[in-house]
Amino acid sequence: MTITDIRTVDYHAGGEPFRIVTDVPGIAGDTVADKRVSAISDPGIDGLRALLCSEPRGHADMYGGFIVPPDDAGAHFGVLFWHKDGFSTACGHGTIALGTWAVRSGRVPIDPGGITEVVIDVPSGRVRAHVATDGDRVVSVDFVSVASYVLHDEVAVPTSRGEVRCGIGFGGAIYAHVPAAAVGLDVSVASLAALIELSREIKAFLNPTAFAGHPLDDRLSGIYGVIYTDDQGIGPDGSLRQRNVTVFADGEVDRSPCGSGTCSRVAALHSTGRLKPGQVLAHSSITDATWLARVQRTTHEAGREAVVPVVTGRAYQTGEHRFVVDPDDDMVPGFVLR
């Protein structure tokens, strides 16, 4: 297709950008999961993703979503999440932003009771954003995730920093979990370059193996991100406090505490008993944004114990954009310098 005029609404959640596109050409597939597979191989749709992620219209850490029809009438809409390297299976910060956008834009009417449920179909399943409002003001969003669980308690990975032992968990996408101190680093800007390179090594080793496989749907297979954590003990309110940075796709850094990554952490911490029943995980990011997470309920999926996590955060609009493509522009869709 020829792209000449694209309008977006942009948000951030915990500092992580989310660019929303509603006017999207038709994408083949009966479900959102099917549409993701189609989008990956569709030059027009993938070209639109690349245009909005790449410089000069985006940047290496850009994130966003295409609004698509839901799987059925049980959801308000569907979304295909994307970043500079492709289309992801889940996105918690995006869900928080979408819940806020849906209510603020009037796409989903505000419930006068103060909590509006926004139901969204994503490639990994159906999620919900419970949007709390005070009048027409959004005060918080509870992201209710898909069932999340541990895939592997500990996997040894050889790296340039020695053997690294990773836990692997699913929270809508598959993540490797690594205590930053175990590799002689911490969750800080000073360690960021080393953490990015280490994440590439970990993913390169794990992705060709069965450790990166999803037990129910191979479309969800693959290590999406590496979550590095620092323990911060128990807060005065009894919460379990951790600081993290999630490096996803090819070296992209999540500015937020990472929604689907937080769900994966909740599953991992619950499985070891570190996150007690009723206890809250206060999960902070490298930018010091903090979201609160808890287990809504326990369940079973893929033949193992699972939890349904809830992550509470906020999102804020940063702008509305009209991007154009000059037909003489020879730098379309753009470029990424790192």
Foldseek 3Di string as FASTA:
>chain_A
DDFFKFKWFWKFWLRQIETEGEPDPDADDLAQLRSQVRLQPDCVNVQVLQLCPFPPNHAQQHKYWYWAAHNDPVALTEIFIDHNQGTAQDFQRHQQVVVLCCDLVVSFDDDPVQWGWHWYATSLGIKIWTFGDDVSHTDKIKTWFDWKAWDAQWDWAQDPLGTFIWTWIFLSAIETEGAQVVSPGHQEPVCLVVVLVRFVRRQVVPQVDCSQADLPDRSRGGHFWYKYKDWDAADPVRAGEIEIWIQGDRRHTGSFLIRSVVQRVQNSCVVVCNQPAPHWYFYAYNNRHTKIKHFPAWDDDSRGITTTMIIMTHMDTDDMDMDGDDPPDPQPSHHHPD
